[in-house]
Protein backbone atom coordinates (compact mmCIF):
# COMPACT_ATOMS: atom_id res chain seq x y z
CA MET A 1 -0.07 -0.03 0.13
CA VAL A 2 0.95 3.66 -0.83
CA GLN A 3 2.04 5.48 2.18
CA MET A 4 -0.23 8.83 2.42
CA ARG A 5 1.44 12.21 2.75
CA GLN A 6 0.06 13.90 5.76
CA SER A 7 -3.09 15.97 4.92
CA ARG A 8 -3.04 19.69 4.70
CA PHE A 9 -6.61 19.97 5.21
CA LEU A 10 -8.31 21.55 8.26
CA ARG A 11 -11.44 20.25 9.90
CA SER A 12 -14.29 22.56 8.79
CA PRO A 13 -17.49 23.34 11.34
CA LEU A 14 -21.07 22.55 10.12
CA ARG A 15 -22.44 25.57 8.51
CA PRO A 16 -26.13 26.37 8.00
CA VAL A 17 -28.14 24.67 5.43
CA GLY A 18 -28.87 26.59 2.26
CA ARG A 19 -31.83 26.73 -0.03
CA ALA A 20 -30.83 23.81 -2.05
CA CYS A 21 -30.41 21.29 1.01
CA ALA A 22 -32.91 19.27 0.23
CA LEU A 23 -32.33 18.51 -3.56
CA LEU A 24 -28.67 17.88 -2.94
CA ILE A 25 -28.87 15.28 -0.17
CA ALA A 26 -31.42 13.44 -2.25
CA ALA A 27 -28.88 13.64 -5.36
CA ALA A 28 -26.08 12.64 -2.93
CA VAL A 29 -27.95 9.47 -1.68
CA ALA A 30 -29.30 8.50 -5.05
CA VAL A 31 -25.89 8.45 -6.29
CA ALA A 32 -24.33 6.39 -3.89
CA THR A 33 -27.13 3.78 -3.52
CA GLY A 34 -28.38 3.65 -7.08
CA MET A 35 -31.88 4.32 -6.16
CA THR A 36 -34.06 5.93 -8.28
CA ALA A 37 -35.32 9.55 -8.20
CA ALA A 38 -38.51 8.55 -6.43
CA SER A 39 -36.75 6.78 -3.87
CA ALA A 40 -34.07 9.44 -3.19
CA SER A 41 -35.80 11.02 -0.22
CA SER A 42 -35.44 8.05 1.90
CA PRO A 43 -33.15 8.25 5.38
CA ALA A 44 -29.50 8.65 4.91
CA PRO A 45 -27.50 5.69 5.12
CA ALA A 46 -26.07 4.16 8.47
CA PRO A 47 -22.79 5.48 10.09
CA ALA A 48 -19.99 4.11 8.38
CA THR A 49 -18.40 0.94 9.51
CA VAL A 50 -15.27 0.58 7.02
CA ALA A 51 -12.78 3.18 5.93
CA SER A 52 -10.14 2.83 3.12
CA LEU A 53 -7.32 4.76 2.67
CA ASP A 54 -4.61 4.36 0.09
CA TRP A 55 -3.74 7.28 -2.21
CA GLN A 56 -4.59 10.89 -2.82
CA LEU A 57 -3.79 12.84 -5.77
CA ASP A 58 -2.43 16.41 -5.86
CA PHE A 59 -5.04 18.88 -7.36
CA ALA A 60 -4.75 22.31 -8.85
CA PRO A 61 -8.48 23.46 -10.15
CA GLY A 62 -8.86 26.33 -12.93
CA ASP A 63 -11.76 28.49 -13.35
CA LEU A 64 -15.88 27.57 -14.05
CA ARG A 65 -16.42 29.60 -16.72
CA LEU A 66 -19.28 29.96 -19.63
CA TYR A 67 -18.64 29.44 -23.42
CA VAL A 68 -20.90 30.60 -26.16
CA ASP A 69 -20.32 28.41 -29.44
CA PRO A 70 -20.21 30.75 -32.15
CA VAL A 71 -21.63 28.34 -34.53
CA ASP A 72 -25.21 27.89 -33.11
CA GLY A 73 -25.28 30.07 -30.04
CA ARG A 74 -25.67 27.56 -27.60
CA ARG A 75 -23.82 28.14 -24.26
CA TYR A 76 -21.73 25.47 -22.25
CA TRP A 77 -19.82 25.63 -18.58
CA TYR A 78 -16.46 24.41 -18.71
CA PHE A 79 -13.66 23.73 -16.00
CA THR A 80 -10.03 22.93 -16.16
CA TYR A 81 -7.83 21.30 -13.78
CA THR A 82 -4.32 19.82 -13.32
CA VAL A 83 -3.99 16.60 -11.18
CA THR A 84 -0.20 15.25 -10.36
CA ASN A 85 0.47 11.69 -9.04
CA GLN A 86 2.87 12.44 -6.05
CA THR A 87 2.48 8.88 -4.51
CA GLU A 88 5.00 6.07 -5.01
CA ARG A 89 3.20 4.22 -7.71
CA ASP A 90 1.52 5.02 -11.18
CA LEU A 91 -2.17 5.19 -10.66
CA VAL A 92 -5.36 4.60 -13.14
CA PHE A 93 -7.34 8.14 -13.03
CA ALA A 94 -10.68 8.04 -14.02
CA PRO A 95 -12.92 11.12 -12.79
CA ARG A 96 -16.44 11.48 -12.58
CA ILE A 97 -17.38 15.31 -12.61
CA GLU A 98 -20.79 16.46 -12.06
CA LEU A 99 -22.62 19.93 -11.74
CA PHE A 100 -25.25 20.23 -9.20
CA MET A 101 -27.86 23.03 -10.66
CA ASP A 102 -30.06 25.06 -7.74
CA SER A 103 -32.92 23.74 -9.58
CA GLY A 104 -32.02 19.87 -8.78
CA GLU A 105 -30.83 18.68 -12.01
CA VAL A 106 -27.44 16.77 -12.24
CA LEU A 107 -25.49 17.25 -15.06
CA ARG A 108 -22.43 14.52 -16.08
CA SER A 109 -19.32 16.30 -17.71
CA GLY A 110 -19.26 15.44 -21.60
CA ARG A 111 -22.71 14.23 -22.15
CA GLY A 112 -24.40 16.37 -24.80
CA VAL A 113 -21.18 18.22 -25.61
CA PRO A 114 -19.99 18.00 -29.28
CA SER A 115 -16.67 17.29 -29.95
CA ARG A 116 -16.35 20.31 -32.04
CA VAL A 117 -17.04 22.59 -28.87
CA ILE A 118 -14.04 20.85 -27.33
CA GLY A 119 -11.86 21.44 -30.16
CA GLN A 120 -12.99 24.97 -29.97
CA LEU A 121 -12.13 25.60 -26.31
CA LYS A 122 -8.76 24.00 -26.66
CA LYS A 123 -8.00 26.71 -29.30
CA LEU A 124 -9.75 29.49 -27.04
CA LEU A 125 -7.30 28.45 -24.51
CA GLY A 126 -4.27 28.00 -26.48
CA ASP A 127 -3.54 24.44 -24.86
CA PRO A 128 -3.86 21.42 -27.37
CA LEU A 129 -2.99 18.78 -24.24
CA LEU A 130 -6.22 19.50 -22.65
CA GLU A 131 -7.82 16.15 -22.29
CA ASP A 132 -11.56 15.81 -22.07
CA GLN A 133 -13.65 13.73 -20.17
CA ASN A 134 -13.02 10.46 -22.10
CA ARG A 135 -9.37 10.97 -22.99
CA ILE A 136 -8.20 11.72 -19.63
CA ILE A 137 -9.13 8.47 -18.50
CA GLY A 138 -6.00 5.90 -17.89
CA ASP A 139 -2.51 6.17 -16.32
CA LEU A 140 -1.43 8.99 -14.26
CA ARG A 141 2.41 8.40 -13.73
CA VAL A 142 4.67 9.57 -10.76
CA GLY A 143 6.27 12.74 -10.84
CA LYS A 144 5.45 16.40 -11.78
CA GLU A 145 6.56 15.98 -15.03
CA ASN A 146 4.00 13.57 -15.78
CA ALA A 147 1.01 16.02 -14.84
CA ARG A 148 -2.14 16.09 -16.54
CA THR A 149 -4.58 18.77 -17.56
CA GLY A 150 -8.11 18.18 -18.31
CA ILE A 151 -11.21 19.99 -19.10
CA ALA A 152 -15.05 19.25 -18.07
CA VAL A 153 -17.63 20.52 -20.39
CA TRP A 154 -21.42 20.89 -19.84
CA PRO A 155 -24.62 22.06 -21.64
CA ALA A 156 -25.67 25.21 -20.01
CA GLU A 157 -29.18 25.62 -21.24
CA ASP A 158 -30.57 26.82 -17.91
CA GLN A 159 -29.33 30.15 -17.54
CA ASP A 160 -31.97 31.09 -14.87
CA ILE A 161 -29.97 29.87 -11.84
CA THR A 162 -28.12 31.61 -8.94
CA GLU A 163 -25.73 28.48 -7.72
CA LEU A 164 -23.90 25.85 -9.28
CA THR A 165 -22.32 22.84 -7.19
CA LEU A 166 -19.17 21.19 -8.78
CA PHE A 167 -18.50 17.62 -7.43
CA PHE A 168 -15.37 15.90 -8.62
CA GLN A 169 -14.65 12.30 -7.61
CA GLY A 170 -11.42 10.15 -8.43
CA LEU A 171 -8.97 12.17 -6.66
CA SER A 172 -8.87 9.88 -3.69
CA SER A 173 -8.89 6.03 -3.12
CA ASP A 174 -10.39 6.96 0.31
CA ARG A 175 -14.06 5.65 1.03
CA LYS A 176 -16.55 4.60 3.48
CA VAL A 177 -18.54 1.57 3.61
CA VAL A 178 -22.24 1.97 5.15
CA LYS A 179 -25.08 -0.09 5.66
CA HIS A 180 -28.04 0.65 3.25
CA PRO A 181 -30.72 2.07 5.91
CA LYS A 182 -33.76 -0.40 4.27
CA THR A 183 -31.58 -3.32 3.11
CA ASP A 184 -28.30 -3.32 5.71
CA GLU A 185 -26.35 -4.06 2.59
CA PRO A 186 -23.10 -2.40 2.09
CA VAL A 187 -22.71 0.58 0.23
CA SER A 188 -19.64 2.36 -0.71
CA LEU A 189 -19.35 6.23 -0.53
CA TYR A 190 -16.60 7.60 -1.93
CA ARG A 191 -14.22 10.98 -1.12
CA THR A 192 -15.41 13.69 -3.29
CA LEU A 193 -14.22 17.34 -3.25
CA ARG A 194 -17.11 19.68 -3.83
CA ARG A 195 -16.88 23.34 -4.73
CA GLU A 196 -19.85 25.82 -4.67
CA TYR A 197 -19.99 28.75 -7.05
CA VAL A 198 -22.28 32.21 -7.19
CA VAL A 199 -23.94 32.67 -10.26
CA SER A 200 -24.63 36.14 -10.47
CA GLY A 201 -25.83 38.85 -13.42
CA GLU A 202 -27.48 38.39 -16.91
CA PRO A 203 -25.91 36.01 -19.09
CA GLU A 204 -25.48 38.43 -21.91
CA GLN A 205 -23.66 40.74 -19.30
CA ARG A 206 -21.50 37.84 -17.57
CA GLY A 207 -19.84 36.80 -20.84
CA SER A 208 -16.73 34.21 -19.96
CA ALA A 209 -15.72 35.85 -16.71
CA PRO A 210 -14.82 33.31 -13.93
CA LEU A 211 -17.74 32.42 -11.63
CA VAL A 212 -17.16 33.42 -8.25
CA LEU A 213 -15.93 30.45 -5.68
CA ASP A 214 -18.47 30.35 -2.60
CA THR A 215 -16.21 29.60 0.42
CA ARG A 216 -18.97 29.38 2.82
CA LYS A 217 -18.34 25.68 3.44
CA ASN A 218 -21.03 22.91 3.92
CA ARG A 219 -23.92 25.31 3.08
CA ARG A 220 -26.01 22.29 1.41
CA GLY A 221 -25.40 18.40 1.16
CA PRO A 222 -23.61 15.99 3.04
CA MET A 223 -21.68 17.08 5.84
CA CYS A 224 -18.08 18.24 5.18
CA ASP A 225 -15.49 16.08 6.17
CA THR A 226 -12.42 18.16 5.83
CA GLU A 227 -11.65 21.54 4.16
CA PHE A 228 -9.86 21.88 0.95
CA GLN A 229 -7.41 24.77 1.07
CA ILE A 230 -4.90 26.43 -1.74
CA GLY A 231 -2.63 28.77 -0.07
CA GLY A 232 -4.53 28.76 3.31
CA LYS A 233 -7.66 29.71 2.04
CA SER A 234 -10.77 27.48 1.75
CA ALA A 235 -11.27 26.52 -1.85
CA GLY A 236 -13.75 23.65 -1.27
CA CYS A 237 -14.69 20.65 0.99
CA TRP A 238 -14.16 17.07 0.84
CA ILE A 239 -17.21 14.89 1.61
CA TYR A 240 -18.04 10.96 1.17
CA ARG A 241 -20.68 10.47 -1.80
């Protein structure tokens, strides 16, 4: 087993629940247990009985921005990031990146996004080595020289929103095994990075300006386990989902 480097994250206190709490808790439980949307409002899983930790990747998030396709005028959210493997062995990187809208809709990166748009974003950002959701899946070798930079893209059809939450799973092997509240069957919850954003202003006026990261930790959804920091400042929250 790879020895885990000492965590730089600090414990985060519970904060008041925001207006999308019920929706996000239902979505998190549905993902973890495979339940349908109709049953996602059932009680949360029982306390964890098993925890597993092997490795965690270094993660450098970029901005979350809006892009307008000049071909058909459709809008897309996009998010860039860099992952580095500083453990003692090569790993397989297979991220799951989702956007949770304050309307309750959950978007999986890459779905409903034409390959043409990915190519346009690579040119716009001046980085032909950017890897989309599918291409970045694979070996992540040890060392800074082997870091990989990815881009996640989602359709932005609903512009009548004020908040977005980004969930990034695949940065850590850490998981908790809990008992399903109804069946007592084991259910795995995976360590996931959550970042919350404020969507302000009109879409036409907003343009491609980066969304503001909301640092009020744990306002909604599963309880924050540890705080994710960059330069000593809050930049997200680790949860189990």
